Amino acid sequence: MRHGDKVNNLGRKTAHRHALMMNLGVALITHKRIFTTLAKAKALRGYIEPMISKSKDNTTHNRRNVFSLLEDKAAITELFTVIAPKVGNRPGGYTRVIKTGFRAGDAAEMAMIELVDFNEIYTQNKNTAKATEPKKKTRRAGGTAKKSVAKKKTDTTEETTTEEA
């Protein structure tokens, strides 16, 4: 029984599964978008996102760690020089999985997995929306939004009291 086992084995032995993830990861890094089955796409997302997080800090240690998982010099160079600067300010969620229907031969559920910042259709709309909207303050920002609102309220009340007098 596989109670509590969270790894999707994809019907393969360990070595075969690692080789599959390695090849899919290299293909995703080089092509920025690949079509595969839904189960493989979801498994690849958990495999590739930690690598992209490590690529943000371009150190020899991180390059060696990622190389041990991908074993492709061209893909490592692409990851650290092209992809990492583009996703530098994103806190996570570097990939997007979109279901594309069913395969004709065996009716397997297919999906497209892509790097989020390399899709021009989605990022173009998002960048224009961000440029027009001011950055919203959150509760985690040390309460700066509440303080600025409170300051504005006190400033307006002081102005009205001085005008009345």
Protein backbone atom coordinates (compact mmCIF):
# COMPACT_ATOMS: atom_id res chain seq x y z
CA MET A 1 0.00 0.00 0.00
CA ARG A 2 1.11 3.54 -0.66
CA HIS A 3 -0.44 5.38 2.28
CA GLY A 4 0.96 8.88 2.65
CA ASP A 5 3.28 8.56 -0.36
CA LYS A 6 3.12 11.88 -2.16
CA VAL A 7 5.39 11.02 -5.11
CA ASN A 8 3.67 10.27 -8.40
CA ASN A 9 5.75 7.38 -9.70
CA LEU A 10 4.37 7.74 -13.24
CA GLY A 11 4.51 3.96 -13.71
CA ARG A 12 8.32 3.96 -13.77
CA LYS A 13 11.23 2.82 -11.64
CA THR A 14 13.23 5.50 -9.82
CA ALA A 15 16.09 5.80 -12.31
CA HIS A 16 13.71 5.93 -15.27
CA ARG A 17 11.59 8.59 -13.53
CA HIS A 18 14.66 10.75 -12.76
CA ALA A 19 15.82 10.48 -16.38
CA LEU A 20 12.34 11.45 -17.58
CA MET A 21 12.22 14.52 -15.31
CA MET A 22 15.73 15.50 -16.40
CA ASN A 23 14.82 15.33 -20.08
CA LEU A 24 11.51 17.14 -19.61
CA GLY A 25 13.26 19.84 -17.55
CA VAL A 26 15.90 20.42 -20.22
CA ALA A 27 13.20 20.59 -22.91
CA LEU A 28 11.17 23.10 -20.88
CA ILE A 29 14.19 25.32 -20.25
CA THR A 30 15.30 25.32 -23.88
CA HIS A 31 11.86 25.64 -25.52
CA LYS A 32 10.00 27.54 -22.73
CA ARG A 33 6.85 25.49 -23.46
CA ILE A 34 6.24 21.76 -23.95
CA PHE A 35 3.24 19.49 -24.48
CA THR A 36 3.06 16.32 -22.40
CA THR A 37 0.57 14.35 -20.32
CA LEU A 38 -1.06 16.10 -17.39
CA ALA A 39 0.55 13.80 -14.81
CA LYS A 40 4.03 14.41 -16.22
CA ALA A 41 3.42 18.16 -16.37
CA LYS A 42 2.37 18.28 -12.72
CA ALA A 43 5.35 16.17 -11.69
CA LEU A 44 7.68 18.39 -13.75
CA ARG A 45 6.36 21.51 -12.03
CA GLY A 46 7.52 20.19 -8.65
CA TYR A 47 10.88 19.25 -10.17
CA ILE A 48 11.72 22.43 -12.09
CA GLU A 49 10.49 25.22 -9.80
CA PRO A 50 13.12 24.69 -7.08
CA MET A 51 15.78 24.84 -9.80
CA ILE A 52 14.47 28.16 -11.05
CA SER A 53 14.51 29.47 -7.47
CA LYS A 54 18.13 28.39 -7.12
CA SER A 55 19.03 30.02 -10.42
CA LYS A 56 18.13 33.46 -9.05
CA ASP A 57 21.35 33.37 -7.00
CA ASN A 58 24.09 32.74 -9.57
CA THR A 59 26.74 31.00 -7.48
CA THR A 60 28.99 28.09 -8.30
CA HIS A 61 27.28 26.02 -5.61
CA ASN A 62 23.82 26.59 -7.10
CA ARG A 63 25.08 25.91 -10.62
CA ARG A 64 26.54 22.58 -9.51
CA ASN A 65 23.37 21.60 -7.66
CA VAL A 66 21.19 22.36 -10.68
CA PHE A 67 23.68 20.64 -13.01
CA SER A 68 23.43 17.48 -10.90
CA LEU A 69 19.69 17.43 -11.64
CA LEU A 70 19.76 18.46 -15.33
CA GLU A 71 23.20 17.40 -16.64
CA ASP A 72 23.03 19.70 -19.68
CA LYS A 73 25.46 22.63 -19.90
CA ALA A 74 23.42 24.52 -22.49
CA ALA A 75 20.28 24.28 -20.38
CA ILE A 76 22.16 25.45 -17.27
CA THR A 77 23.55 28.44 -19.15
CA GLU A 78 20.08 29.28 -20.48
CA LEU A 79 18.56 28.95 -17.01
CA PHE A 80 21.08 31.17 -15.23
CA THR A 81 21.53 33.81 -17.96
CA VAL A 82 18.12 34.16 -19.62
CA ILE A 83 15.43 32.77 -17.34
CA ALA A 84 16.73 33.83 -13.91
CA PRO A 85 16.94 37.59 -14.65
CA LYS A 86 13.44 37.54 -16.09
CA VAL A 87 11.88 35.85 -13.03
CA GLY A 88 14.08 37.64 -10.51
CA ASN A 89 11.30 39.54 -8.76
CA ARG A 90 8.72 36.72 -8.83
CA PRO A 91 8.42 34.92 -5.46
CA GLY A 92 7.40 31.59 -6.98
CA GLY A 93 4.98 30.02 -9.44
CA TYR A 94 7.31 30.09 -12.43
CA THR A 95 5.35 27.56 -14.49
CA ARG A 96 1.80 27.29 -15.77
CA VAL A 97 0.01 24.02 -16.60
CA ILE A 98 -2.88 24.29 -19.07
CA LYS A 99 -5.00 21.27 -20.00
CA THR A 100 -5.25 20.79 -23.75
CA GLY A 101 -7.63 17.86 -24.13
CA PHE A 102 -7.12 14.17 -24.73
CA ARG A 103 -4.60 12.33 -26.89
CA ALA A 104 -6.13 10.54 -29.88
CA GLY A 105 -4.32 7.21 -29.47
CA ASP A 106 -4.94 6.32 -25.82
CA ALA A 107 -7.15 9.17 -24.56
CA ALA A 108 -4.48 10.31 -22.10
CA GLU A 109 -5.16 13.76 -20.67
CA MET A 110 -2.69 16.17 -22.29
CA ALA A 111 -1.39 19.46 -20.98
CA MET A 112 0.93 22.29 -21.93
CA ILE A 113 3.46 23.41 -19.34
CA GLU A 114 5.18 26.74 -19.92
CA LEU A 115 7.32 29.27 -18.15
CA VAL A 116 5.01 32.07 -17.03
CA ASP A 117 7.18 35.08 -17.88
CA PHE A 118 7.90 33.87 -21.43
CA ASN A 119 4.31 33.95 -22.68
CA GLU A 120 3.94 37.31 -24.44
CA ILE A 121 0.14 37.17 -24.55
CA TYR A 122 -0.31 37.00 -20.78
CA THR A 123 2.66 39.12 -19.70
CA GLN A 124 1.84 41.97 -22.11
CA ASN A 125 -1.60 42.50 -20.55
CA LYS A 126 -0.29 42.09 -17.02
CA ASN A 127 2.52 44.63 -17.50
CA THR A 128 0.17 47.31 -18.82
CA ALA A 129 -2.24 46.74 -15.94
CA LYS A 130 0.58 47.00 -13.41
CA ALA A 131 1.86 50.21 -14.97
CA THR A 132 -1.51 51.94 -14.61
CA GLU A 133 -2.31 50.70 -11.09
CA PRO A 134 -0.35 51.98 -8.11
CA LYS A 135 1.26 49.34 -5.97
CA LYS A 136 -1.09 48.20 -3.22
CA LYS A 137 0.11 48.02 0.35
CA THR A 138 -0.42 44.81 2.28
CA ARG A 139 -0.74 44.09 5.95
CA ARG A 140 2.75 42.59 5.89
CA ALA A 141 4.30 45.85 4.82
CA GLY A 142 4.57 46.99 8.42
CA GLY A 143 1.23 48.78 8.43
CA THR A 144 2.41 51.57 6.12
CA ALA A 145 -0.92 51.65 4.32
CA LYS A 146 -2.87 52.16 7.53
CA LYS A 147 -0.44 54.78 8.78
CA SER A 148 -0.64 56.77 5.56
CA VAL A 149 -4.44 56.64 5.62
CA ALA A 150 -4.44 57.73 9.27
CA LYS A 151 -2.06 60.61 8.46
CA LYS A 152 -4.31 61.74 5.60
CA LYS A 153 -7.32 61.71 7.91
CA THR A 154 -5.56 63.73 10.59
CA ASP A 155 -4.26 66.20 7.97
CA THR A 156 -7.76 66.76 6.58
CA THR A 157 -9.27 67.20 10.06
CA GLU A 158 -6.59 69.73 10.97
CA GLU A 159 -7.28 71.68 7.76
CA THR A 160 -11.00 71.80 8.43
CA THR A 161 -10.52 72.95 12.02
CA THR A 162 -8.16 75.75 10.94
CA GLU A 163 -10.58 76.90 8.22
CA GLU A 164 -13.52 76.98 10.65
CA ALA A 165 -11.63 79.18 13.15
